[in-house]
Amino acid sequence: MMAAAKGGLIYVCNPNNPTASITPKDELRDFVEKTPGGTMILVDEAYFHYADSPDYESMIPLVQDHPSLIVSRTFSKIYGMAGLRCGYCVAQKETLERIRPHQMWDSVNIMALAAASASLDDPDQVPNGQRLNNEAKTFTIGELDKMGYKTIPSQANFIMFDCKRPVLPLIKAMKDRNVQVGRLFPPVPNHMRVTIGKKSEMESFLNAFKQVMA
């Protein structure tokens, strides 16, 4: 990433989408420390709450000492508010003032604000979401492993695994069976991205996938 640090803005999604992998904390911290001040760094931590690896950490504590660092979070994932669109960023005051002129006056609606407030008031929301995601994800990865399909280690609420063949026809075949999976990602044309839902939904996914791959 250092080769790209020549002004402008560098975007780092951590945990990553679509792979669900992470940039190790020491590498990312070192990158932030060494990036020239004229280059902005935006670290997207949308999937922060799902990451439990000891090699992962939030970059928010570094904001205090790095005016070029912006860390973003969202209510779309662990708080289940994908359709309402509510998020925020953490940055130094001067950086926020530079961003403010580009803010849409109606970027967040009243329903999103009410839902976000209610979510923060519920102490069980995050731990329950983490537990249910881990249970369904562990089950799904285990079943895929039994079938011979290896998954990229996931630190998010989705997985990506190697189908051992072009994924585009498989996506269509799954849709024909009323199962929606992620789109094609050209750099990994044989990999399928699957969001983790309830265990019953993952069982439906696995049944359809077995039929498609038969």
Protein backbone atom coordinates (compact mmCIF):
# COMPACT_ATOMS: atom_id res chain seq x y z
CA MET A 1 0.00 0.00 0.00
CA MET A 2 2.90 2.36 0.62
CA ALA A 3 3.54 2.56 -3.13
CA ALA A 4 0.12 4.18 -3.53
CA ALA A 5 0.65 6.74 -0.77
CA LYS A 6 1.30 9.78 -2.97
CA GLY A 7 -1.57 12.10 -2.16
CA GLY A 8 -5.30 11.68 -2.57
CA LEU A 9 -7.12 9.06 -0.51
CA ILE A 10 -6.39 5.40 0.18
CA TYR A 11 -9.35 3.18 1.08
CA VAL A 12 -8.83 0.13 3.30
CA CYS A 13 -11.77 -2.15 4.06
CA ASN A 14 -10.92 -4.08 7.21
CA PRO A 15 -12.35 -6.70 7.58
CA ASN A 16 -12.32 -6.87 3.82
CA ASN A 17 -15.27 -7.12 1.48
CA PRO A 18 -15.62 -9.44 -0.46
CA THR A 19 -13.00 -11.82 1.00
CA ALA A 20 -13.90 -11.44 4.73
CA SER A 21 -10.17 -11.51 5.49
CA ILE A 22 -8.32 -8.93 7.59
CA THR A 23 -5.29 -6.71 7.28
CA PRO A 24 -3.18 -7.63 10.34
CA LYS A 25 -3.16 -4.92 13.00
CA ASP A 26 0.61 -4.44 13.01
CA GLU A 27 0.74 -4.03 9.23
CA LEU A 28 -2.13 -1.55 9.15
CA ARG A 29 -0.84 0.43 12.12
CA ASP A 30 2.61 0.61 10.50
CA PHE A 31 1.03 1.77 7.24
CA VAL A 32 -0.89 4.55 9.01
CA GLU A 33 2.24 5.65 10.85
CA LYS A 34 4.39 5.80 7.70
CA THR A 35 1.93 7.29 5.20
CA PRO A 36 2.81 10.90 4.27
CA GLY A 37 0.55 13.51 5.86
CA GLY A 38 -0.78 14.71 2.51
CA THR A 39 -2.47 11.37 1.87
CA MET A 40 -5.84 10.67 3.49
CA ILE A 41 -6.53 7.15 4.75
CA LEU A 42 -10.11 5.89 5.05
CA VAL A 43 -10.42 2.65 7.03
CA ASP A 44 -13.84 1.08 6.59
CA GLU A 45 -14.73 -0.94 9.70
CA ALA A 46 -18.25 -1.93 8.66
CA TYR A 47 -17.62 -5.52 9.77
CA PHE A 48 -15.71 -4.61 12.95
CA HIS A 49 -18.14 -6.32 15.33
CA TYR A 50 -17.67 -9.71 13.66
CA ALA A 51 -13.87 -9.78 13.86
CA ASP A 52 -12.57 -11.89 16.74
CA SER A 53 -9.02 -12.58 15.55
CA PRO A 54 -6.26 -11.51 17.96
CA ASP A 55 -4.52 -10.12 14.87
CA TYR A 56 -7.29 -7.55 14.33
CA GLU A 57 -7.91 -4.22 16.00
CA SER A 58 -9.78 -1.01 15.29
CA MET A 59 -7.85 1.99 14.01
CA ILE A 60 -10.04 4.47 15.92
CA PRO A 61 -7.46 4.94 18.73
CA LEU A 62 -4.95 6.15 16.13
CA VAL A 63 -7.19 9.01 14.99
CA GLN A 64 -6.07 11.20 17.89
CA ASP A 65 -2.51 11.37 16.53
CA HIS A 66 -3.20 11.21 12.78
CA PRO A 67 -5.16 14.06 11.17
CA SER A 68 -5.19 12.23 7.83
CA LEU A 69 -6.97 9.16 9.23
CA ILE A 70 -10.72 8.60 8.94
CA VAL A 71 -12.44 5.50 10.33
CA SER A 72 -15.99 4.69 9.25
CA ARG A 73 -18.61 2.46 10.86
CA THR A 74 -22.18 1.51 9.91
CA PHE A 75 -25.41 0.28 11.47
CA SER A 76 -26.07 -1.85 8.37
CA LYS A 77 -24.35 -5.02 9.60
CA ILE A 78 -24.45 -6.14 13.25
CA TYR A 79 -27.39 -3.80 13.93
CA GLY A 80 -29.41 -5.15 10.99
CA MET A 81 -30.21 -1.75 9.45
CA ALA A 82 -29.02 -2.29 5.88
CA GLY A 83 -32.14 -0.77 4.32
CA LEU A 84 -32.22 2.29 6.57
CA ARG A 85 -28.68 3.51 5.82
CA CYS A 86 -27.11 5.01 8.92
CA GLY A 87 -23.39 5.31 9.53
CA TYR A 88 -20.72 7.58 10.95
CA CYS A 89 -17.03 8.32 10.83
CA VAL A 90 -14.38 9.15 13.40
CA ALA A 91 -11.73 11.74 12.54
CA GLN A 92 -10.05 14.83 13.92
CA LYS A 93 -12.15 18.00 14.11
CA GLU A 94 -10.29 19.75 11.30
CA THR A 95 -10.75 16.74 9.01
CA LEU A 96 -14.47 16.62 9.75
CA GLU A 97 -14.78 20.31 8.93
CA ARG A 98 -13.20 19.65 5.53
CA ILE A 99 -15.73 16.89 4.88
CA ARG A 100 -18.79 18.78 6.12
CA PRO A 101 -19.37 20.91 2.96
CA HIS A 102 -19.86 17.67 1.00
CA GLN A 103 -22.45 16.25 3.41
CA MET A 104 -25.99 15.82 2.08
CA TRP A 105 -28.48 17.74 4.20
CA ASP A 106 -30.88 14.77 4.24
CA SER A 107 -28.32 11.95 4.37
CA VAL A 108 -30.00 10.27 7.38
CA ASN A 109 -33.77 10.01 7.83
CA ILE A 110 -35.68 10.07 11.11
CA MET A 111 -36.49 6.34 11.00
CA ALA A 112 -32.80 5.48 10.69
CA LEU A 113 -31.92 7.73 13.61
CA ALA A 114 -34.66 6.22 15.78
CA ALA A 115 -33.57 2.68 14.91
CA ALA A 116 -29.90 3.46 15.53
CA SER A 117 -30.70 4.96 18.92
CA ALA A 118 -32.83 1.96 19.89
CA SER A 119 -30.07 -0.43 18.79
CA LEU A 120 -27.51 1.31 20.96
CA ASP A 121 -29.89 1.11 23.92
CA ASP A 122 -30.18 -2.68 23.56
CA PRO A 123 -27.22 -4.31 25.37
CA ASP A 124 -28.01 -7.72 23.86
CA GLN A 125 -28.05 -6.64 20.20
CA VAL A 126 -24.34 -7.00 19.46
CA PRO A 127 -23.50 -10.14 21.50
CA ASN A 128 -26.59 -11.95 20.20
CA GLY A 129 -25.75 -11.01 16.63
CA GLN A 130 -22.17 -12.18 17.08
CA ARG A 131 -23.25 -15.49 18.59
CA LEU A 132 -25.84 -16.28 15.93
CA ASN A 133 -23.46 -15.33 13.14
CA ASN A 134 -20.66 -17.49 14.54
CA GLU A 135 -22.95 -20.49 14.98
CA ALA A 136 -24.37 -20.33 11.46
CA LYS A 137 -21.00 -19.52 9.91
CA THR A 138 -19.22 -22.37 11.68
CA PHE A 139 -21.95 -24.78 10.56
CA THR A 140 -21.79 -23.60 6.93
CA ILE A 141 -18.00 -23.67 6.71
CA GLY A 142 -17.98 -27.15 8.22
CA GLU A 143 -20.50 -28.48 5.70
CA LEU A 144 -18.61 -26.94 2.78
CA ASP A 145 -15.38 -28.44 4.09
CA LYS A 146 -17.01 -31.90 4.14
CA MET A 147 -17.87 -31.34 0.47
CA GLY A 148 -14.27 -30.43 -0.31
CA TYR A 149 -14.64 -26.66 -0.64
CA LYS A 150 -12.20 -24.47 1.26
CA THR A 151 -13.28 -21.12 2.66
CA ILE A 152 -11.11 -18.04 3.06
CA PRO A 153 -10.83 -17.48 6.86
CA SER A 154 -13.79 -15.22 7.62
CA GLN A 155 -13.86 -12.31 10.05
CA ALA A 156 -17.21 -10.99 8.85
CA ASN A 157 -20.87 -11.99 8.44
CA PHE A 158 -20.23 -13.65 5.09
CA ILE A 159 -17.86 -16.17 3.57
CA MET A 160 -16.02 -16.56 0.29
CA PHE A 161 -14.97 -19.97 -0.95
CA ASP A 162 -13.42 -21.60 -4.02
CA CYS A 163 -16.03 -23.40 -6.14
CA LYS A 164 -13.29 -24.92 -8.35
CA ARG A 165 -15.11 -23.72 -11.46
CA PRO A 166 -16.40 -20.42 -12.90
CA VAL A 167 -18.90 -19.01 -10.44
CA LEU A 168 -21.10 -16.99 -12.81
CA PRO A 169 -23.16 -19.98 -14.08
CA LEU A 170 -23.47 -21.19 -10.48
CA ILE A 171 -24.89 -17.85 -9.36
CA LYS A 172 -27.63 -18.14 -11.99
CA ALA A 173 -28.32 -21.77 -11.13
CA MET A 174 -28.67 -20.86 -7.45
CA LYS A 175 -31.05 -18.03 -8.32
CA ASP A 176 -33.17 -20.49 -10.31
CA ARG A 177 -33.53 -22.39 -7.03
CA ASN A 178 -34.59 -19.22 -5.18
CA VAL A 179 -31.24 -18.82 -3.43
CA GLN A 180 -29.45 -15.50 -3.89
CA VAL A 181 -25.68 -15.40 -3.45
CA GLY A 182 -23.12 -12.66 -4.07
CA ARG A 183 -22.24 -11.33 -7.50
CA LEU A 184 -19.18 -12.22 -9.53
CA PHE A 185 -15.94 -10.57 -8.38
CA PRO A 186 -13.66 -10.59 -11.47
CA PRO A 187 -10.31 -10.96 -9.60
CA VAL A 188 -11.59 -14.25 -8.12
CA PRO A 189 -13.83 -15.72 -10.86
CA ASN A 190 -14.09 -19.15 -9.21
CA HIS A 191 -15.06 -17.88 -5.76
CA MET A 192 -18.58 -17.48 -4.37
CA ARG A 193 -19.50 -14.88 -1.74
CA VAL A 194 -22.31 -15.93 0.59
CA THR A 195 -23.88 -13.85 3.35
CA ILE A 196 -24.50 -15.73 6.59
CA GLY A 197 -28.15 -15.84 7.60
CA LYS A 198 -30.11 -18.02 10.00
CA LYS A 199 -29.07 -21.67 10.23
CA SER A 200 -32.24 -22.70 8.41
CA GLU A 201 -31.36 -20.31 5.58
CA MET A 202 -27.84 -21.70 5.38
CA GLU A 203 -29.28 -25.22 5.18
CA SER A 204 -31.35 -24.06 2.20
CA PHE A 205 -28.21 -22.61 0.62
CA LEU A 206 -26.28 -25.85 1.14
CA ASN A 207 -29.06 -27.99 -0.29
CA ALA A 208 -29.28 -25.81 -3.40
CA PHE A 209 -25.50 -25.73 -3.76
CA LYS A 210 -25.29 -29.53 -3.61
CA GLN A 211 -27.89 -29.77 -6.38
CA VAL A 212 -26.07 -27.24 -8.55
CA MET A 213 -22.70 -28.94 -8.10
CA ALA A 214 -24.01 -32.49 -8.64
